[in-house]
Every structure is written in C-alpha cells, then in structure tokens.
Protein backbone atom coordinates (compact mmCIF):
# COMPACT_ATOMS: atom_id res chain seq x y z
CA ASP A 1 -60.55 -11.03 2.57
CA LEU A 2 -57.41 -12.98 1.65
CA PHE A 3 -57.04 -11.26 -1.70
CA ALA A 4 -57.95 -7.91 -0.17
CA THR A 5 -54.98 -8.42 2.16
CA PHE A 6 -52.77 -9.23 -0.82
CA GLN A 7 -53.89 -6.02 -2.48
CA ARG A 8 -53.13 -3.95 0.61
CA ASN A 9 -49.67 -5.49 0.81
CA LEU A 10 -49.04 -4.73 -2.85
CA ASN A 11 -50.20 -1.15 -2.40
CA GLU A 12 -47.96 -0.68 0.63
CA GLU A 13 -45.01 -2.15 -1.26
CA GLN A 14 -45.62 0.16 -4.21
CA THR A 15 -45.86 3.20 -1.93
CA LEU A 16 -42.60 2.26 -0.21
CA ARG A 17 -40.75 1.82 -3.50
CA GLU A 18 -41.99 5.20 -4.69
CA GLU A 19 -40.69 6.79 -1.47
CA ILE A 20 -37.34 5.10 -2.01
CA ARG A 21 -37.15 6.26 -5.61
CA ASP A 22 -37.91 9.84 -4.59
CA VAL A 23 -34.99 9.86 -2.15
CA ILE A 24 -32.68 8.14 -4.64
CA LYS A 25 -33.44 10.85 -7.20
CA GLU A 26 -32.19 13.43 -4.72
CA ILE A 27 -29.01 11.44 -4.03
CA GLU A 28 -28.41 10.98 -7.76
CA GLU A 29 -28.75 14.72 -8.28
CA VAL A 30 -26.08 15.33 -5.64
CA SER A 31 -23.88 12.72 -7.32
CA ARG A 32 -24.22 14.46 -10.67
CA GLU A 33 -23.28 17.79 -9.12
CA LEU A 34 -20.23 16.19 -7.50
CA ALA A 35 -19.19 14.70 -10.83
CA THR A 36 -19.45 18.11 -12.48
CA VAL A 37 -17.33 19.76 -9.78
CA LEU A 38 -14.70 17.03 -9.82
CA GLN A 39 -14.27 17.23 -13.58
CA GLY A 40 -12.48 20.48 -12.82
CA ILE A 41 -9.38 18.51 -11.82
CA HIS A 42 -8.85 17.80 -15.51
CA LEU A 43 -9.61 21.29 -16.76
CA GLU A 44 -7.97 23.71 -14.37
CA LYS A 45 -4.44 24.38 -13.21
CA CYS A 46 -4.36 22.17 -10.15
CA ALA A 47 -2.05 24.34 -8.04
CA THR A 48 -4.53 27.21 -8.03
CA GLU A 49 -7.91 25.54 -8.47
CA MET A 50 -7.68 22.29 -6.52
CA PRO A 51 -8.41 23.81 -3.08
CA HIS A 52 -11.55 25.46 -4.47
CA ILE A 53 -12.68 22.22 -6.08
CA ILE A 54 -12.24 20.29 -2.83
CA GLU A 55 -14.11 22.97 -0.88
CA LYS A 56 -17.08 22.80 -3.25
CA THR A 57 -17.47 19.07 -2.63
CA LYS A 58 -17.93 19.40 1.14
CA SER A 59 -21.47 20.78 1.16
CA LEU A 60 -22.52 18.31 -1.53
CA LEU A 61 -21.29 15.38 0.53
CA GLN A 62 -23.22 16.73 3.50
CA ASP A 63 -26.34 16.78 1.32
CA ALA A 64 -25.72 13.18 0.26
CA SER A 65 -25.26 12.19 3.89
CA ARG A 66 -28.57 13.75 4.89
CA TRP A 67 -30.43 11.94 2.12
CA PHE A 68 -28.90 8.61 3.13
CA VAL A 69 -30.08 9.22 6.68
CA LYS A 70 -33.55 9.82 5.25
CA LEU A 71 -33.30 6.63 3.19
CA SER A 72 -32.27 4.61 6.23
CA THR A 73 -35.48 5.63 8.00
CA ILE A 74 -37.60 4.39 5.11
CA ILE A 75 -36.13 0.90 4.66
CA PRO A 76 -37.77 -1.64 7.02
CA ASN A 77 -35.44 -3.47 9.40
CA GLY A 78 -33.91 -6.57 7.85
CA GLU A 79 -34.93 -5.64 4.29
CA TYR A 80 -31.79 -3.78 3.16
CA TYR A 81 -30.96 -6.19 0.35
CA LYS A 82 -34.56 -6.41 -0.80
CA TYR A 83 -34.27 -2.81 -2.00
CA HIS A 84 -30.50 -2.49 -2.40
CA ASP A 85 -30.64 -2.38 -6.19
CA HIS A 86 -32.35 1.00 -5.97
CA TRP A 87 -29.24 2.74 -4.58
CA ARG A 88 -26.43 0.34 -5.54
CA TRP A 89 -25.24 2.39 -8.51
CA VAL A 90 -25.33 5.79 -6.83
CA ALA A 91 -23.62 4.38 -3.72
CA GLN A 92 -20.75 3.15 -5.89
CA LYS A 93 -20.48 6.56 -7.55
CA LEU A 94 -20.33 8.30 -4.18
CA VAL A 95 -17.65 5.89 -2.95
CA PHE A 96 -15.69 6.86 -6.03
CA ASP A 97 -16.25 10.57 -5.38
CA ILE A 98 -15.14 10.34 -1.76
CA ALA A 99 -12.13 8.17 -2.61
CA LEU A 100 -11.06 10.61 -5.33
CA ILE A 101 -11.36 13.57 -2.97
CA GLN A 102 -9.34 11.72 -0.33
CA PHE A 103 -6.61 10.96 -2.86
CA LEU A 104 -6.51 14.56 -4.04
CA GLN A 105 -6.23 15.80 -0.47
CA ASP A 106 -3.51 13.55 0.91
CA GLY A 107 -2.76 10.78 -1.57
CA GLU A 108 -4.23 8.14 0.74
CA LEU A 109 -6.78 5.39 0.13
CA ALA A 110 -10.21 6.13 1.60
CA THR A 111 -11.08 3.22 3.87
CA LYS A 112 -14.52 1.66 3.93
CA GLU A 113 -14.99 3.08 7.42
CA TYR A 114 -14.11 6.58 6.28
CA VAL A 115 -16.41 6.47 3.26
CA ALA A 116 -19.26 5.14 5.38
CA SER A 117 -18.78 7.92 7.93
CA GLN A 118 -18.93 10.54 5.17
CA LEU A 119 -22.35 9.21 4.13
CA SER A 120 -23.68 8.53 7.65
CA LEU A 121 -23.76 4.79 6.95
CA LYS A 122 -22.87 1.84 9.16
CA THR A 123 -19.94 -0.39 8.24
CA ASP A 124 -21.41 -3.68 9.45
CA ARG A 125 -24.50 -5.17 7.82
CA LEU A 126 -25.59 -6.44 11.23
CA GLU A 127 -25.93 -2.85 12.41
CA GLY A 128 -28.56 -2.00 9.81
CA PHE A 129 -28.31 0.44 6.92
CA HIS A 130 -24.68 0.14 5.87
CA LEU A 131 -22.16 0.59 3.10
CA ASP A 132 -22.11 -2.66 1.15
CA LEU A 133 -18.59 -4.06 0.71
CA GLU A 134 -19.02 -4.77 -3.00
CA ASP A 135 -20.29 -1.23 -3.57
CA TYR A 136 -17.15 0.05 -1.84
CA LEU A 137 -14.89 -2.11 -4.01
CA HIS A 138 -16.69 -1.08 -7.21
CA GLY A 139 -16.15 2.54 -6.22
CA LEU A 140 -12.42 1.98 -5.78
CA LEU A 141 -12.21 0.42 -9.22
CA GLN A 142 -13.92 3.49 -10.66
CA LEU A 143 -11.26 5.53 -8.89
CA ALA A 144 -8.47 3.64 -10.67
CA SER A 145 -10.06 4.42 -14.02
CA GLU A 146 -10.37 8.12 -13.21
CA LEU A 147 -6.80 8.30 -11.95
CA SER A 148 -5.52 6.85 -15.21
CA ARG A 149 -7.21 9.76 -16.95
CA LEU A 150 -5.81 12.22 -14.41
CA ALA A 151 -2.30 10.89 -15.05
CA VAL A 152 -2.65 11.87 -18.70
CA THR A 153 -4.17 15.31 -18.11
CA SER A 154 -1.65 16.10 -15.36
CA ALA A 155 1.29 15.30 -17.61
CA THR A 156 -0.25 17.35 -20.40
CA SER A 157 -0.57 20.36 -18.10
CA GLY A 158 3.03 20.03 -16.93
CA ASP A 159 2.49 18.38 -13.54
CA TYR A 160 4.94 15.49 -13.85
CA SER A 161 4.81 14.55 -10.17
CA LYS A 162 1.16 13.57 -10.20
CA PRO A 163 1.45 10.63 -12.68
CA LEU A 164 4.24 9.14 -10.57
CA GLN A 165 2.15 9.45 -7.43
CA ILE A 166 -0.83 7.93 -9.23
CA SER A 167 1.31 5.06 -10.50
CA GLN A 168 2.46 4.16 -7.00
CA PHE A 169 -1.08 4.44 -5.61
CA VAL A 170 -2.79 2.34 -8.30
CA THR A 171 -0.01 -0.27 -8.20
CA GLU A 172 -0.63 -0.71 -4.47
CA LEU A 173 -4.38 -0.75 -5.05
CA ASN A 174 -3.96 -3.47 -7.64
CA ALA A 175 -1.82 -5.51 -5.25
CA GLY A 176 -4.61 -5.32 -2.69
CA PHE A 177 -7.28 -6.43 -5.15
CA ARG A 178 -5.14 -9.39 -6.19
CA LEU A 179 -5.56 -10.79 -2.69
CA ILE A 180 -9.33 -11.02 -3.14
CA ASN A 181 -10.95 -14.23 -4.33
CA PHE A 182 -13.76 -12.79 -6.43
CA LYS A 183 -17.04 -14.69 -6.30
CA ASN A 184 -19.08 -11.86 -7.79
CA ASP A 185 -19.01 -11.89 -11.60
CA SER A 186 -19.69 -8.17 -11.89
CA LEU A 187 -16.88 -7.30 -9.50
CA ARG A 188 -14.44 -9.66 -11.20
CA LYS A 189 -15.19 -8.18 -14.62
CA HIS A 190 -14.78 -4.68 -13.24
CA TYR A 191 -11.44 -5.68 -11.71
CA ASP A 192 -10.27 -6.98 -15.09
CA GLY A 193 -10.26 -3.38 -16.29
CA LEU A 194 -7.80 -2.34 -13.59
CA LYS A 195 -4.83 -3.84 -15.45
CA TYR A 196 -5.62 -1.64 -18.46
CA ASP A 197 -5.84 1.42 -16.23
CA LEU A 198 -2.49 0.54 -14.71
CA LYS A 199 -0.93 -0.02 -18.13
CA LYS A 200 -2.15 3.40 -19.28
CA ILE A 201 -0.60 5.02 -16.21
CA GLU A 202 2.68 3.16 -16.71
CA GLU A 203 2.85 4.42 -20.29
CA VAL A 204 2.52 8.00 -19.06
CA VAL A 205 5.27 7.48 -16.47
CA TYR A 206 7.51 5.87 -19.08
CA ASP A 207 7.00 8.79 -21.44
CA ILE A 208 7.87 11.25 -18.68
CA SER A 209 11.02 9.27 -17.85
CA ILE A 210 12.39 8.96 -21.38
CA ARG A 211 11.83 12.68 -21.95
CA GLY A 212 13.90 13.47 -18.86
CA LEU A 213 10.96 15.12 -17.12
CA LYS A 214 10.83 12.86 -14.08
CA PRO A 215 10.98 15.07 -10.94
CA THR A 216 13.44 14.31 -8.16
CA ASP A 217 10.66 14.48 -5.55
CA PRO A 218 7.68 12.74 -7.23
CA VAL A 219 5.51 12.75 -4.12
CA ASN A 220 5.62 16.52 -3.71
CA SER A 221 2.91 17.48 -6.20
CA ASP A 222 1.24 20.87 -6.07
CA CYS A 223 -2.12 19.16 -6.40
CA ASN A 224 -1.77 17.72 -2.90
CA ASN A 225 -1.13 21.05 -1.26
CA VAL A 226 -4.77 21.69 -0.42
C-alpha cells in the first residue's frame, strides 16, 4: 500500500507537469509571435509603421494574459517555486516585450506592477501566482540589449533623436541597477552585459554628434508619436 501511494503521487505529479508544459507551450507561441511583430521596429520606417506594430501587440498580450490565468489555476497553492523553472524563461521574454512596447509608446520604464497587470499576475509572492522580481529584472536587461540594437538601426534609417533618447533611458536604467546588491549569479552575469550595451549606444551618439547630426530636440522622436 505504501509503494502504491508513492506511485499514485508520482503519476499525479507527472500529470500536473504535463498540464503545465501544455500551457507553457501556448505562452511560448505567443511570445514568439510578439518577437516577430516587434522585429518590425528595426525594419520599417518608424514614423509610419510604429503605430501599427504597437497595435498588433495588444491582442497577443491579451492572449498571454489569458494563458497565465490558466496556469495560475493549475499550480497548487504554495508550490509556485516548485514549478517556476517551467515558465521562468518565457516570463522574462514577456517582461522584455512589455517593457519594449512601453518604451516605444512613451519612453518610460515599465514598472513591475505595470508588467504584472498586463499578464494578470500578482506583484507580491504572498498573494499567490506572481511576477518574480528576478524575472522582471532579467527582462529589463534584455530590453537594454535590444535598445542598443535599436539605437544603431534608428541612426541608420535617419532617426537621430531615438539614439539620444535611448542613451538617456539606458543610462538611468544602469544607474538603478547599480544600486542593487546582486546575490543571484545569473542576474549578476546578465547585468555585466549592460555596460557593453551602454557603450554601444554611446558610440552611436558620439558618431551622430561628430557628424553634426544631433537634433536640437532629442526627445521629440517620431517613433514616440504613437
């Protein structure tokens, strides 16, 4: 009877993990679609295409939110971190997506509370299924990397305001991260890459400046008029 109980527990655990994986596959599919849509910021003329790109992301984020609600009903109370590794990566990607969209819309940093609300997640671990703080921070670091790329492609396409805006934003983001005492090795290593992203952005801004292309109103970029 004892080992029969063990077997039942193992079977139940396996069934639960399969349910979790099925939901995660759906969330990952949404994340891939978002990534495809957002790549358009590097390929299209931002002044004309950016509003359409932003609009396309809205329904996808709603889909992601619904799947996270579904996931929250599957995970037993108090066992969030037992299964967290299943959705850690995709949660970080979605934080990045939401933070990038927020930056493109108004140039602001997406707060943890805002990101959580977009995905129908709690902000406090004591409240249940929530947005993990480290996942949020990893997502912001991914944002810095993507913005360094956007600085280059924006300058190439003739939008000289955007790199200056990005430079200010990432500099402030870096200042915030410097206040954190990292105890997580993965997060600390990820943060180490931020200085290279910032250096890349600074090189773009320097190139714009020495070529006499620096706009008088760097904040007023067409890409933000969405």
